[in-house]
Every structure is written in C-alpha cells, then in structure tokens.
Amino acid sequence: MTGVAADWHGNLFAADCYNHRIQTLSSDGSFLTNFGSRGDGPGQFAYAIAVADDGALFAVDIGNGRIHKWRPAEP
C-alpha cells in the first residue's frame, strides 16, 4: 500500500500499488470493495490516494503521469 485516505463517513480508501487498485474498507476495517487494474486506460492506475472535503476521491497515477477523480454518489 502506498496511500490511505478516509471520507467523511469514516470509510477508508487504500492504494494497493502492487495490485494496481484501490481497496475500500468500512470504518471498522471490514472490506467493502475494490476497483482499478493495471494499465493506462480509464480506471487503470496505481500508487497514491486522497479524499477531498466534498468527498471526491483522487488517485495519483504516478506510472501513467495523471490524476483520476471520482465523485461520491448523490444521497
């Protein structure tokens, strides 16, 4: 893992650089989901992560020289 961030609900997002994905965990550490894969297409990336104040999730894709952004689902 190379980065961990939390959203306002306490969910954790961990950058799993060796598997080129983001793993999502609940506030108690239970696995929720993962997404991403190795490559240079949409949703393919690696390496660092952050959550903005508005809940947007950013993954810094060092290997491909870009930043991915996901917005939280509307309630």
C-alpha atoms as a PDB file:
ATOM      1  CA  MET A   1       0.000   0.000   0.000  1.00  0.00           C
ATOM      2  CA  THR A   2       1.246   3.475  -0.755  1.00  0.00           C
ATOM      3  CA  GLY A   3      -1.546   5.699   0.464  1.00  0.00           C
ATOM      4  CA  VAL A   4      -4.621   5.713   2.683  1.00  0.00           C
ATOM      5  CA  ALA A   5      -7.400   8.292   2.917  1.00  0.00           C
ATOM      6  CA  ALA A   6     -10.746   8.476   4.744  1.00  0.00           C
ATOM      7  CA  ASP A   7     -14.040  10.031   3.651  1.00  0.00           C
ATOM      8  CA  TRP A   8     -16.496  11.882   5.912  1.00  0.00           C
ATOM      9  CA  HIS A   9     -18.316   8.585   6.674  1.00  0.00           C
ATOM     10  CA  GLY A  10     -15.104   7.062   8.012  1.00  0.00           C
ATOM     11  CA  ASN A  11     -14.643   4.702   5.054  1.00  0.00           C
ATOM     12  CA  LEU A  12     -11.009   4.054   4.181  1.00  0.00           C
ATOM     13  CA  PHE A  13      -9.526   4.031   0.689  1.00  0.00           C
ATOM     14  CA  ALA A  14      -6.178   2.267   0.405  1.00  0.00           C
ATOM     15  CA  ALA A  15      -3.968   2.442  -2.677  1.00  0.00           C
ATOM     16  CA  ASP A  16      -2.812  -1.124  -3.307  1.00  0.00           C
ATOM     17  CA  CYS A  17       0.094  -0.344  -5.631  1.00  0.00           C
ATOM     18  CA  TYR A  18       1.233  -3.930  -6.185  1.00  0.00           C
ATOM     19  CA  ASN A  19      -2.225  -4.910  -7.461  1.00  0.00           C
ATOM     20  CA  HIS A  20      -2.955  -1.575  -9.214  1.00  0.00           C
ATOM     21  CA  ARG A  21      -6.257  -0.996  -7.438  1.00  0.00           C
ATOM     22  CA  ILE A  22      -7.987   0.935  -4.669  1.00  0.00           C
ATOM     23  CA  GLN A  23      -9.419  -1.095  -1.798  1.00  0.00           C
ATOM     24  CA  THR A  24     -12.362   0.323   0.162  1.00  0.00           C
ATOM     25  CA  LEU A  25     -12.870  -0.559   3.828  1.00  0.00           C
ATOM     26  CA  SER A  26     -15.579   0.454   6.287  1.00  0.00           C
ATOM     27  CA  SER A  27     -14.719   2.494   9.375  1.00  0.00           C
ATOM     28  CA  ASP A  28     -14.338  -0.748  11.363  1.00  0.00           C
ATOM     29  CA  GLY A  29     -11.880  -2.150   8.781  1.00  0.00           C
ATOM     30  CA  SER A  30     -14.293  -4.526   7.038  1.00  0.00           C
ATOM     31  CA  PHE A  31     -13.684  -4.995   3.302  1.00  0.00           C
ATOM     32  CA  LEU A  32     -16.302  -3.247   1.126  1.00  0.00           C
ATOM     33  CA  THR A  33     -14.997  -3.339  -2.446  1.00  0.00           C
ATOM     34  CA  ASN A  34     -12.031  -2.669  -4.709  1.00  0.00           C
ATOM     35  CA  PHE A  35     -11.631  -1.136  -8.128  1.00  0.00           C
ATOM     36  CA  GLY A  36      -8.971  -0.485 -10.724  1.00  0.00           C
ATOM     37  CA  SER A  37      -6.473  -2.605 -12.584  1.00  0.00           C
ATOM     38  CA  ARG A  38      -3.044  -2.344 -14.178  1.00  0.00           C
ATOM     39  CA  GLY A  39      -2.832  -0.373 -17.405  1.00  0.00           C
ATOM     40  CA  ASP A  40      -3.171   3.070 -18.904  1.00  0.00           C
ATOM     41  CA  GLY A  41      -6.892   3.154 -19.773  1.00  0.00           C
ATOM     42  CA  PRO A  42      -9.826   4.523 -17.771  1.00  0.00           C
ATOM     43  CA  GLY A  43      -9.881   3.049 -14.273  1.00  0.00           C
ATOM     44  CA  GLN A  44      -6.390   1.633 -14.686  1.00  0.00           C
ATOM     45  CA  PHE A  45      -3.731   3.160 -12.471  1.00  0.00           C
ATOM     46  CA  ALA A  46      -1.515   2.818  -9.408  1.00  0.00           C
ATOM     47  CA  TYR A  47       0.037   4.384  -6.366  1.00  0.00           C
ATOM     48  CA  ALA A  48      -1.372   7.254  -4.211  1.00  0.00           C
ATOM     49  CA  ILE A  49      -4.758   8.447  -2.983  1.00  0.00           C
ATOM     50  CA  ALA A  50      -6.602  11.312  -1.242  1.00  0.00           C
ATOM     51  CA  VAL A  51     -10.181  12.302  -0.374  1.00  0.00           C
ATOM     52  CA  ALA A  52     -11.283  15.946  -0.728  1.00  0.00           C
ATOM     53  CA  ASP A  53     -13.558  17.777   1.725  1.00  0.00           C
ATOM     54  CA  ASP A  54     -16.524  17.279  -0.642  1.00  0.00           C
ATOM     55  CA  GLY A  55     -15.919  13.506  -0.666  1.00  0.00           C
ATOM     56  CA  ALA A  56     -14.271  13.351  -4.091  1.00  0.00           C
ATOM     57  CA  LEU A  57     -11.647  10.608  -4.309  1.00  0.00           C
ATOM     58  CA  PHE A  58      -8.354  11.302  -6.092  1.00  0.00           C
ATOM     59  CA  ALA A  59      -5.822   8.677  -7.170  1.00  0.00           C
ATOM     60  CA  VAL A  60      -2.410   9.919  -8.262  1.00  0.00           C
ATOM     61  CA  ASP A  61      -1.298   7.609 -11.050  1.00  0.00           C
ATOM     62  CA  ILE A  62       2.465   8.041 -10.986  1.00  0.00           C
ATOM     63  CA  GLY A  63       3.124   5.309 -13.539  1.00  0.00           C
ATOM     64  CA  ASN A  64       0.873   6.963 -16.138  1.00  0.00           C
ATOM     65  CA  GLY A  65       1.509  10.601 -15.180  1.00  0.00           C
ATOM     66  CA  ARG A  66      -2.126  11.524 -14.422  1.00  0.00           C
ATOM     67  CA  ILE A  67      -4.720  12.002 -11.680  1.00  0.00           C
ATOM     68  CA  HIS A  68      -8.060  10.169 -11.553  1.00  0.00           C
ATOM     69  CA  LYS A  69     -11.073  11.697  -9.798  1.00  0.00           C
ATOM     70  CA  TRP A  70     -14.282  10.013  -8.634  1.00  0.00           C
ATOM     71  CA  ARG A  71     -17.210  11.872  -7.118  1.00  0.00           C
ATOM     72  CA  PRO A  72     -19.370  10.421  -4.341  1.00  0.00           C
ATOM     73  CA  ALA A  73     -22.818   9.166  -5.280  1.00  0.00           C
ATOM     74  CA  GLU A  74     -25.606  11.629  -4.569  1.00  0.00           C
ATOM     75  CA  PRO A  75     -27.659  10.689  -1.471  1.00  0.00           C
END
